Amino acid sequence: MTSVRALMAVLMLGGALGLAACEEEKGPAEKAGAAIDEAVNDTKRAVQDAKD
């Protein structure tokens, strides 16, 4: 039973560290995705403005 708890603690700690490491800097694909999202939102706003 103790080894199960120890294993769970190690897995939870590893998961927390893994998530914390992902927050540091965006990679090139994530930056490209953000740029695409922004372009789509700009286009949507332009279409809405043209309708009004």
PDB file of N, CA and C in Angstrom:
ATOM      1  N   MET A   1       0.811  -1.183   0.000  1.00  0.00           N
ATOM      2  CA  MET A   1       0.000   0.000   0.000  1.00  0.00           C
ATOM      3  C   MET A   1       0.865   1.263   0.000  1.00  0.00           C
ATOM      4  N   THR A   2       1.958   1.237   0.708  1.00  0.00           N
ATOM      5  CA  THR A   2       2.841   2.389   0.779  1.00  0.00           C
ATOM      6  C   THR A   2       3.488   2.668  -0.574  1.00  0.00           C
ATOM      7  N   SER A   3       3.841   1.612  -1.293  1.00  0.00           N
ATOM      8  CA  SER A   3       4.463   1.820  -2.602  1.00  0.00           C
ATOM      9  C   SER A   3       3.475   2.436  -3.593  1.00  0.00           C
ATOM     10  N   VAL A   4       2.200   2.130  -3.461  1.00  0.00           N
ATOM     11  CA  VAL A   4       1.185   2.724  -4.328  1.00  0.00           C
ATOM     12  C   VAL A   4       1.085   4.219  -4.059  1.00  0.00           C
ATOM     13  N   ARG A   5       1.097   4.591  -2.796  1.00  0.00           N
ATOM     14  CA  ARG A   5       1.048   6.016  -2.438  1.00  0.00           C
ATOM     15  C   ARG A   5       2.297   6.747  -2.932  1.00  0.00           C
ATOM     16  N   ALA A   6       3.437   6.122  -2.794  1.00  0.00           N
ATOM     17  CA  ALA A   6       4.674   6.736  -3.258  1.00  0.00           C
ATOM     18  C   ALA A   6       4.645   6.908  -4.769  1.00  0.00           C
ATOM     19  N   LEU A   7       4.157   5.902  -5.471  1.00  0.00           N
ATOM     20  CA  LEU A   7       4.057   5.984  -6.928  1.00  0.00           C
ATOM     21  C   LEU A   7       3.104   7.102  -7.339  1.00  0.00           C
ATOM     22  N   MET A   8       1.981   7.202  -6.666  1.00  0.00           N
ATOM     23  CA  MET A   8       1.018   8.263  -6.967  1.00  0.00           C
ATOM     24  C   MET A   8       1.628   9.639  -6.726  1.00  0.00           C
ATOM     25  N   ALA A   9       2.388   9.785  -5.650  1.00  0.00           N
ATOM     26  CA  ALA A   9       3.026  11.060  -5.343  1.00  0.00           C
ATOM     27  C   ALA A   9       4.037  11.429  -6.425  1.00  0.00           C
ATOM     28  N   VAL A  10       4.802  10.463  -6.865  1.00  0.00           N
ATOM     29  CA  VAL A  10       5.796  10.713  -7.913  1.00  0.00           C
ATOM     30  C   VAL A  10       5.109  11.104  -9.214  1.00  0.00           C
ATOM     31  N   LEU A  11       4.042  10.415  -9.569  1.00  0.00           N
ATOM     32  CA  LEU A  11       3.317  10.729 -10.802  1.00  0.00           C
ATOM     33  C   LEU A  11       2.680  12.115 -10.747  1.00  0.00           C
ATOM     34  N   MET A  12       2.119  12.466  -9.610  1.00  0.00           N
ATOM     35  CA  MET A  12       1.503  13.778  -9.471  1.00  0.00           C
ATOM     36  C   MET A  12       2.547  14.885  -9.530  1.00  0.00           C
ATOM     37  N   LEU A  13       3.681  14.662  -8.902  1.00  0.00           N
ATOM     38  CA  LEU A  13       4.752  15.649  -8.931  1.00  0.00           C
ATOM     39  C   LEU A  13       5.292  15.805 -10.351  1.00  0.00           C
ATOM     40  N   GLY A  14       5.470  14.695 -11.031  1.00  0.00           N
ATOM     41  CA  GLY A  14       5.945  14.745 -12.415  1.00  0.00           C
ATOM     42  C   GLY A  14       4.967  15.469 -13.324  1.00  0.00           C
ATOM     43  N   GLY A  15       3.685  15.229 -13.129  1.00  0.00           N
ATOM     44  CA  GLY A  15       2.673  15.925 -13.929  1.00  0.00           C
ATOM     45  C   GLY A  15       2.670  17.413 -13.660  1.00  0.00           C
ATOM     46  N   ALA A  16       2.808  17.792 -12.401  1.00  0.00           N
ATOM     47  CA  ALA A  16       2.833  19.212 -12.051  1.00  0.00           C
ATOM     48  C   ALA A  16       4.058  19.900 -12.654  1.00  0.00           C
ATOM     49  N   LEU A  17       5.185  19.241 -12.605  1.00  0.00           N
ATOM     50  CA  LEU A  17       6.400  19.825 -13.194  1.00  0.00           C
ATOM     51  C   LEU A  17       6.284  19.923 -14.709  1.00  0.00           C
ATOM     52  N   GLY A  18       5.667  18.933 -15.312  1.00  0.00           N
ATOM     53  CA  GLY A  18       5.481  18.954 -16.754  1.00  0.00           C
ATOM     54  C   GLY A  18       4.587  20.094 -17.191  1.00  0.00           C
ATOM     55  N   LEU A  19       3.521  20.344 -16.450  1.00  0.00           N
ATOM     56  CA  LEU A  19       2.631  21.453 -16.776  1.00  0.00           C
ATOM     57  C   LEU A  19       3.304  22.793 -16.542  1.00  0.00           C
ATOM     58  N   ALA A  20       4.092  22.881 -15.511  1.00  0.00           N
ATOM     59  CA  ALA A  20       4.784  24.136 -15.223  1.00  0.00           C
ATOM     60  C   ALA A  20       5.809  24.440 -16.300  1.00  0.00           C
ATOM     61  N   ALA A  21       6.431  23.452 -16.859  1.00  0.00           N
ATOM     62  CA  ALA A  21       7.435  23.661 -17.896  1.00  0.00           C
ATOM     63  C   ALA A  21       6.802  24.144 -19.190  1.00  0.00           C
ATOM     64  N   CYS A  22       5.571  23.783 -19.442  1.00  0.00           N
ATOM     65  CA  CYS A  22       4.894  24.181 -20.681  1.00  0.00           C
ATOM     66  C   CYS A  22       4.511  25.653 -20.692  1.00  0.00           C
ATOM     67  N   GLU A  23       4.461  26.280 -19.560  1.00  0.00           N
ATOM     68  CA  GLU A  23       4.013  27.661 -19.464  1.00  0.00           C
ATOM     69  C   GLU A  23       5.107  28.676 -19.813  1.00  0.00           C
ATOM     70  N   GLU A  24       6.338  28.253 -19.897  1.00  0.00           N
ATOM     71  CA  GLU A  24       7.440  29.196 -20.013  1.00  0.00           C
ATOM     72  C   GLU A  24       7.454  29.970 -21.324  1.00  0.00           C
ATOM     73  N   GLU A  25       7.502  29.292 -22.447  1.00  0.00           N
ATOM     74  CA  GLU A  25       7.661  29.974 -23.729  1.00  0.00           C
ATOM     75  C   GLU A  25       6.880  29.232 -24.794  1.00  0.00           C
ATOM     76  N   LYS A  26       6.256  29.995 -25.678  1.00  0.00           N
ATOM     77  CA  LYS A  26       5.508  29.387 -26.771  1.00  0.00           C
ATOM     78  C   LYS A  26       6.469  28.936 -27.858  1.00  0.00           C
ATOM     79  N   GLY A  27       6.185  27.779 -28.417  1.00  0.00           N
ATOM     80  CA  GLY A  27       6.982  27.282 -29.520  1.00  0.00           C
ATOM     81  C   GLY A  27       6.497  27.863 -30.840  1.00  0.00           C
ATOM     82  N   PRO A  28       7.175  27.563 -31.937  1.00  0.00           N
ATOM     83  CA  PRO A  28       6.807  28.138 -33.233  1.00  0.00           C
ATOM     84  C   PRO A  28       5.406  27.737 -33.704  1.00  0.00           C
ATOM     85  N   ALA A  29       5.003  26.514 -33.450  1.00  0.00           N
ATOM     86  CA  ALA A  29       3.675  26.087 -33.880  1.00  0.00           C
ATOM     87  C   ALA A  29       2.596  26.800 -33.056  1.00  0.00           C
ATOM     88  N   GLU A  30       2.849  26.989 -31.781  1.00  0.00           N
ATOM     89  CA  GLU A  30       1.880  27.674 -30.937  1.00  0.00           C
ATOM     90  C   GLU A  30       1.768  29.150 -31.326  1.00  0.00           C
ATOM     91  N   LYS A  31       2.892  29.773 -31.677  1.00  0.00           N
ATOM     92  CA  LYS A  31       2.875  31.158 -32.133  1.00  0.00           C
ATOM     93  C   LYS A  31       2.118  31.280 -33.454  1.00  0.00           C
ATOM     94  N   ALA A  32       2.345  30.334 -34.365  1.00  0.00           N
ATOM     95  CA  ALA A  32       1.644  30.349 -35.650  1.00  0.00           C
ATOM     96  C   ALA A  32       0.142  30.164 -35.447  1.00  0.00           C
ATOM     97  N   GLY A  33      -0.236  29.281 -34.548  1.00  0.00           N
ATOM     98  CA  GLY A  33      -1.649  29.070 -34.248  1.00  0.00           C
ATOM     99  C   GLY A  33      -2.300  30.320 -33.684  1.00  0.00           C
ATOM    100  N   ALA A  34      -1.596  31.013 -32.822  1.00  0.00           N
ATOM    101  CA  ALA A  34      -2.126  32.253 -32.253  1.00  0.00           C
ATOM    102  C   ALA A  34      -2.293  33.313 -33.330  1.00  0.00           C
ATOM    103  N   ALA A  35      -1.345  33.384 -34.253  1.00  0.00           N
ATOM    104  CA  ALA A  35      -1.444  34.349 -35.352  1.00  0.00           C
ATOM    105  C   ALA A  35      -2.630  34.024 -36.254  1.00  0.00           C
ATOM    106  N   ILE A  36      -2.851  32.747 -36.515  1.00  0.00           N
ATOM    107  CA  ILE A  36      -3.991  32.331 -37.341  1.00  0.00           C
ATOM    108  C   ILE A  36      -5.296  32.672 -36.627  1.00  0.00           C
ATOM    109  N   ASP A  37      -5.376  32.396 -35.343  1.00  0.00           N
ATOM    110  CA  ASP A  37      -6.575  32.729 -34.572  1.00  0.00           C
ATOM    111  C   ASP A  37      -6.869  34.222 -34.625  1.00  0.00           C
ATOM    112  N   GLU A  38      -5.838  35.017 -34.493  1.00  0.00           N
ATOM    113  CA  GLU A  38      -6.013  36.467 -34.529  1.00  0.00           C
ATOM    114  C   GLU A  38      -6.482  36.924 -35.906  1.00  0.00           C
ATOM    115  N   ALA A  39      -5.920  36.347 -36.957  1.00  0.00           N
ATOM    116  CA  ALA A  39      -6.335  36.704 -38.311  1.00  0.00           C
ATOM    117  C   ALA A  39      -7.789  36.333 -38.564  1.00  0.00           C
ATOM    118  N   VAL A  40      -8.209  35.172 -38.093  1.00  0.00           N
ATOM    119  CA  VAL A  40      -9.602  34.745 -38.254  1.00  0.00           C
ATOM    120  C   VAL A  40     -10.528  35.689 -37.501  1.00  0.00           C
ATOM    121  N   ASN A  41     -10.164  36.055 -36.286  1.00  0.00           N
ATOM    122  CA  ASN A  41     -10.991  36.981 -35.516  1.00  0.00           C
ATOM    123  C   ASN A  41     -11.068  38.353 -36.179  1.00  0.00           C
ATOM    124  N   ASP A  42      -9.960  38.833 -36.723  1.00  0.00           N
ATOM    125  CA  ASP A  42      -9.962  40.111 -37.441  1.00  0.00           C
ATOM    126  C   ASP A  42     -10.880  40.049 -38.658  1.00  0.00           C
ATOM    127  N   THR A  43     -10.838  38.930 -39.370  1.00  0.00           N
ATOM    128  CA  THR A  43     -11.685  38.758 -40.544  1.00  0.00           C
ATOM    129  C   THR A  43     -13.158  38.729 -40.159  1.00  0.00           C
ATOM    130  N   LYS A  44     -13.472  38.031 -39.082  1.00  0.00           N
ATOM    131  CA  LYS A  44     -14.858  37.986 -38.597  1.00  0.00           C
ATOM    132  C   LYS A  44     -15.362  39.379 -38.255  1.00  0.00           C
ATOM    133  N   ARG A  45     -14.518  40.152 -37.571  1.00  0.00           N
ATOM    134  CA  ARG A  45     -14.922  41.520 -37.211  1.00  0.00           C
ATOM    135  C   ARG A  45     -15.119  42.377 -38.458  1.00  0.00           C
ATOM    136  N   ALA A  46     -14.264  42.231 -39.441  1.00  0.00           N
ATOM    137  CA  ALA A  46     -14.394  43.008 -40.668  1.00  0.00           C
ATOM    138  C   ALA A  46     -15.679  42.664 -41.408  1.00  0.00           C
ATOM    139  N   VAL A  47     -16.033  41.389 -41.433  1.00  0.00           N
ATOM    140  CA  VAL A  47     -17.279  40.967 -42.089  1.00  0.00           C
ATOM    141  C   VAL A  47     -18.480  41.511 -41.333  1.00  0.00           C
ATOM    142  N   GLN A  48     -18.426  41.449 -40.005  1.00  0.00           N
ATOM    143  CA  GLN A  48     -19.525  41.991 -39.205  1.00  0.00           C
ATOM    144  C   GLN A  48     -19.679  43.491 -39.417  1.00  0.00           C
ATOM    145  N   ASP A  49     -18.559  44.205 -39.479  1.00  0.00           N
ATOM    146  CA  ASP A  49     -18.597  45.653 -39.705  1.00  0.00           C
ATOM    147  C   ASP A  49     -19.150  45.971 -41.093  1.00  0.00           C
ATOM    148  N   ALA A  50     -18.813  45.154 -42.089  1.00  0.00           N
ATOM    149  CA  ALA A  50     -19.310  45.369 -43.451  1.00  0.00           C
ATOM    150  C   ALA A  50     -20.821  45.131 -43.527  1.00  0.00           C
ATOM    151  N   LYS A  51     -21.325  44.190 -42.739  1.00  0.00           N
ATOM    152  CA  LYS A  51     -22.770  43.907 -42.711  1.00  0.00           C
ATOM    153  C   LYS A  51     -23.539  45.061 -42.106  1.00  0.00           C
ATOM    154  N   ASP A  52     -22.952  45.684 -41.083  1.00  0.00           N
ATOM    155  CA  ASP A  52     -23.650  46.764 -40.366  1.00  0.00           C
ATOM    156  C   ASP A  52     -23.553  48.008 -41.166  1.00  0.00           C
TER     157      ASP A  52
END
